[in-house]
């Protein structure tokens, strides 16, 4: 039986231009990402080496490149791309759960944010 552990990056903030409406692309807005990554330990916990684990500095950069990259109309699609990107970069990730928040969603009312959650199993 193998050991697993979870790495969480919480409330990563980025400015980007996602959404269906033209003004969302023109104006842009902040997006917030939580990434919960279930990792197969392998030798990482015994070796105490950053090379054997998910380097969360690199994981942050992967998220940033995806969020600030090409425009997506749906934040659900963006969240899935983030999960797949992290699993592709780090083969020891077995599950990536991404929560993506959009505080300035164009809705006719007052709310803190709209959030989607996507869970991807590698």
C-alpha atoms as a PDB file:
ATOM      1  CA  UNK A   1       0.000   0.000   0.000  1.00  0.00           C
ATOM      2  CA  UNK A   2       1.395   3.380  -0.945  1.00  0.00           C
ATOM      3  CA  UNK A   3       1.406   6.583   1.054  1.00  0.00           C
ATOM      4  CA  UNK A   4      -0.349   9.674  -0.259  1.00  0.00           C
ATOM      5  CA  UNK A   5      -0.429  13.252   0.934  1.00  0.00           C
ATOM      6  CA  UNK A   6      -2.277  16.405  -0.076  1.00  0.00           C
ATOM      7  CA  UNK A   7      -0.780  19.711  -1.159  1.00  0.00           C
ATOM      8  CA  UNK A   8      -3.121  22.701  -1.199  1.00  0.00           C
ATOM      9  CA  UNK A   9      -2.517  26.044  -2.870  1.00  0.00           C
ATOM     10  CA  UNK A  10      -5.170  28.380  -1.489  1.00  0.00           C
ATOM     11  CA  UNK A  11      -6.529  31.615  -2.959  1.00  0.00           C
ATOM     12  CA  UNK A  12      -4.031  32.096  -5.801  1.00  0.00           C
ATOM     13  CA  UNK A  13      -4.998  35.395  -7.462  1.00  0.00           C
ATOM     14  CA  UNK A  14      -4.638  36.322 -11.139  1.00  0.00           C
ATOM     15  CA  UNK A  15      -5.898  39.021 -13.497  1.00  0.00           C
ATOM     16  CA  UNK A  16      -7.365  37.543 -16.670  1.00  0.00           C
ATOM     17  CA  UNK A  17     -10.048  37.938 -19.338  1.00  0.00           C
ATOM     18  CA  UNK A  18     -12.418  34.964 -19.213  1.00  0.00           C
ATOM     19  CA  UNK A  19     -16.167  34.909 -19.720  1.00  0.00           C
ATOM     20  CA  UNK A  20     -18.922  34.928 -22.289  1.00  0.00           C
ATOM     21  CA  UNK A  21     -19.498  38.681 -22.466  1.00  0.00           C
ATOM     22  CA  UNK A  22     -17.387  41.030 -24.585  1.00  0.00           C
ATOM     23  CA  UNK A  23     -16.845  43.430 -21.669  1.00  0.00           C
ATOM     24  CA  UNK A  24     -15.282  40.601 -19.666  1.00  0.00           C
ATOM     25  CA  UNK A  25     -12.619  40.212 -22.315  1.00  0.00           C
ATOM     26  CA  UNK A  26     -12.176  43.965 -22.702  1.00  0.00           C
ATOM     27  CA  UNK A  27     -12.036  44.878 -18.997  1.00  0.00           C
ATOM     28  CA  UNK A  28     -10.701  41.688 -17.459  1.00  0.00           C
ATOM     29  CA  UNK A  29     -10.996  40.861 -13.769  1.00  0.00           C
ATOM     30  CA  UNK A  30      -9.409  38.925 -10.940  1.00  0.00           C
ATOM     31  CA  UNK A  31      -9.826  35.184 -10.584  1.00  0.00           C
ATOM     32  CA  UNK A  32      -8.989  33.129  -7.509  1.00  0.00           C
ATOM     33  CA  UNK A  33      -7.860  29.502  -7.613  1.00  0.00           C
ATOM     34  CA  UNK A  34      -7.592  26.813  -4.948  1.00  0.00           C
ATOM     35  CA  UNK A  35      -5.789  23.637  -5.967  1.00  0.00           C
ATOM     36  CA  UNK A  36      -6.011  20.531  -3.803  1.00  0.00           C
ATOM     37  CA  UNK A  37      -3.562  17.927  -5.076  1.00  0.00           C
ATOM     38  CA  UNK A  38      -3.471  14.324  -3.863  1.00  0.00           C
ATOM     39  CA  UNK A  39       0.063  13.064  -4.412  1.00  0.00           C
ATOM     40  CA  UNK A  40       1.547   9.564  -4.315  1.00  0.00           C
ATOM     41  CA  UNK A  41       4.509   9.894  -1.986  1.00  0.00           C
ATOM     42  CA  UNK A  42       6.951   7.594  -3.743  1.00  0.00           C
ATOM     43  CA  UNK A  43      10.358   8.420  -2.240  1.00  0.00           C
ATOM     44  CA  UNK A  44       9.564  12.069  -1.441  1.00  0.00           C
ATOM     45  CA  UNK A  45       8.904  11.715   2.285  1.00  0.00           C
ATOM     46  CA  UNK A  46      11.944   9.506   2.854  1.00  0.00           C
ATOM     47  CA  UNK A  47      14.343  11.472   0.648  1.00  0.00           C
ATOM     48  CA  UNK A  48      13.133  14.865   1.907  1.00  0.00           C
ATOM     49  CA  UNK A  49      13.932  16.175  -1.580  1.00  0.00           C
ATOM     50  CA  UNK A  50      11.959  18.762  -3.496  1.00  0.00           C
ATOM     51  CA  UNK A  51      12.815  16.879  -6.683  1.00  0.00           C
ATOM     52  CA  UNK A  52      10.688  13.914  -5.551  1.00  0.00           C
ATOM     53  CA  UNK A  53       7.528  15.885  -4.774  1.00  0.00           C
ATOM     54  CA  UNK A  54       5.209  18.434  -6.359  1.00  0.00           C
ATOM     55  CA  UNK A  55       7.138  21.686  -6.198  1.00  0.00           C
ATOM     56  CA  UNK A  56       4.371  24.126  -5.314  1.00  0.00           C
ATOM     57  CA  UNK A  57       6.296  27.067  -6.746  1.00  0.00           C
ATOM     58  CA  UNK A  58       6.228  25.365 -10.134  1.00  0.00           C
ATOM     59  CA  UNK A  59       2.591  24.322  -9.566  1.00  0.00           C
ATOM     60  CA  UNK A  60       1.692  27.990  -9.000  1.00  0.00           C
ATOM     61  CA  UNK A  61       3.422  28.909 -12.258  1.00  0.00           C
ATOM     62  CA  UNK A  62       1.499  26.197 -14.135  1.00  0.00           C
ATOM     63  CA  UNK A  63      -1.781  27.607 -12.776  1.00  0.00           C
ATOM     64  CA  UNK A  64      -0.732  31.169 -13.610  1.00  0.00           C
ATOM     65  CA  UNK A  65       0.201  30.322 -17.207  1.00  0.00           C
ATOM     66  CA  UNK A  66      -3.148  28.632 -17.786  1.00  0.00           C
ATOM     67  CA  UNK A  67      -5.289  31.313 -16.108  1.00  0.00           C
ATOM     68  CA  UNK A  68      -3.511  34.194 -17.817  1.00  0.00           C
ATOM     69  CA  UNK A  69      -3.310  32.364 -21.150  1.00  0.00           C
ATOM     70  CA  UNK A  70      -6.024  31.952 -23.761  1.00  0.00           C
ATOM     71  CA  UNK A  71      -9.543  33.128 -23.040  1.00  0.00           C
ATOM     72  CA  UNK A  72     -12.155  30.572 -21.978  1.00  0.00           C
ATOM     73  CA  UNK A  73     -15.863  31.340 -22.051  1.00  0.00           C
ATOM     74  CA  UNK A  74     -16.620  28.969 -19.177  1.00  0.00           C
ATOM     75  CA  UNK A  75     -14.768  28.999 -15.876  1.00  0.00           C
ATOM     76  CA  UNK A  76     -15.618  25.285 -15.683  1.00  0.00           C
ATOM     77  CA  UNK A  77     -13.460  24.702 -18.765  1.00  0.00           C
ATOM     78  CA  UNK A  78     -10.699  26.832 -17.264  1.00  0.00           C
ATOM     79  CA  UNK A  79     -10.768  24.829 -14.016  1.00  0.00           C
ATOM     80  CA  UNK A  80     -10.511  21.551 -15.947  1.00  0.00           C
ATOM     81  CA  UNK A  81      -7.566  22.884 -17.972  1.00  0.00           C
ATOM     82  CA  UNK A  82      -5.807  23.793 -14.706  1.00  0.00           C
ATOM     83  CA  UNK A  83      -6.385  20.314 -13.258  1.00  0.00           C
ATOM     84  CA  UNK A  84      -5.161  18.607 -16.415  1.00  0.00           C
ATOM     85  CA  UNK A  85      -2.153  20.929 -16.659  1.00  0.00           C
ATOM     86  CA  UNK A  86      -1.068  20.150 -13.103  1.00  0.00           C
ATOM     87  CA  UNK A  87      -1.522  16.386 -13.581  1.00  0.00           C
ATOM     88  CA  UNK A  88       0.409  16.559 -16.844  1.00  0.00           C
ATOM     89  CA  UNK A  89       3.304  18.430 -15.247  1.00  0.00           C
ATOM     90  CA  UNK A  90       3.480  16.243 -12.138  1.00  0.00           C
ATOM     91  CA  UNK A  91       2.791  12.540 -12.814  1.00  0.00           C
ATOM     92  CA  UNK A  92       2.697  11.789  -9.078  1.00  0.00           C
ATOM     93  CA  UNK A  93      -0.594  13.726  -8.727  1.00  0.00           C
ATOM     94  CA  UNK A  94      -3.488  11.264  -8.593  1.00  0.00           C
ATOM     95  CA  UNK A  95      -6.313  13.770  -8.048  1.00  0.00           C
ATOM     96  CA  UNK A  96      -6.523  17.499  -8.669  1.00  0.00           C
ATOM     97  CA  UNK A  97      -9.514  19.363  -7.273  1.00  0.00           C
ATOM     98  CA  UNK A  98      -9.700  22.929  -8.528  1.00  0.00           C
ATOM     99  CA  UNK A  99     -11.968  25.599  -7.066  1.00  0.00           C
ATOM    100  CA  UNK A 100     -12.138  28.691  -9.265  1.00  0.00           C
ATOM    101  CA  UNK A 101     -13.796  31.900  -8.049  1.00  0.00           C
ATOM    102  CA  UNK A 102     -14.979  34.815 -10.146  1.00  0.00           C
ATOM    103  CA  UNK A 103     -15.887  37.714  -7.826  1.00  0.00           C
ATOM    104  CA  UNK A 104     -17.176  40.069 -10.511  1.00  0.00           C
ATOM    105  CA  UNK A 105     -19.485  37.711 -12.354  1.00  0.00           C
ATOM    106  CA  UNK A 106     -22.025  39.650 -14.448  1.00  0.00           C
ATOM    107  CA  UNK A 107     -25.204  38.729 -12.577  1.00  0.00           C
ATOM    108  CA  UNK A 108     -28.159  41.021 -11.780  1.00  0.00           C
ATOM    109  CA  UNK A 109     -27.663  40.967  -8.039  1.00  0.00           C
ATOM    110  CA  UNK A 110     -25.246  41.190  -5.153  1.00  0.00           C
ATOM    111  CA  UNK A 111     -22.977  38.253  -4.360  1.00  0.00           C
ATOM    112  CA  UNK A 112     -19.464  37.639  -3.130  1.00  0.00           C
ATOM    113  CA  UNK A 113     -18.418  35.419  -6.040  1.00  0.00           C
ATOM    114  CA  UNK A 114     -19.388  32.607  -8.350  1.00  0.00           C
ATOM    115  CA  UNK A 115     -17.352  29.433  -7.860  1.00  0.00           C
ATOM    116  CA  UNK A 116     -16.946  26.191  -9.761  1.00  0.00           C
ATOM    117  CA  UNK A 117     -15.223  23.047  -8.556  1.00  0.00           C
ATOM    118  CA  UNK A 118     -13.730  20.468 -10.886  1.00  0.00           C
ATOM    119  CA  UNK A 119     -12.174  17.199  -9.793  1.00  0.00           C
ATOM    120  CA  UNK A 120      -9.830  15.408 -12.198  1.00  0.00           C
ATOM    121  CA  UNK A 121      -8.352  11.955 -11.572  1.00  0.00           C
ATOM    122  CA  UNK A 122      -5.102  11.121 -13.334  1.00  0.00           C
END
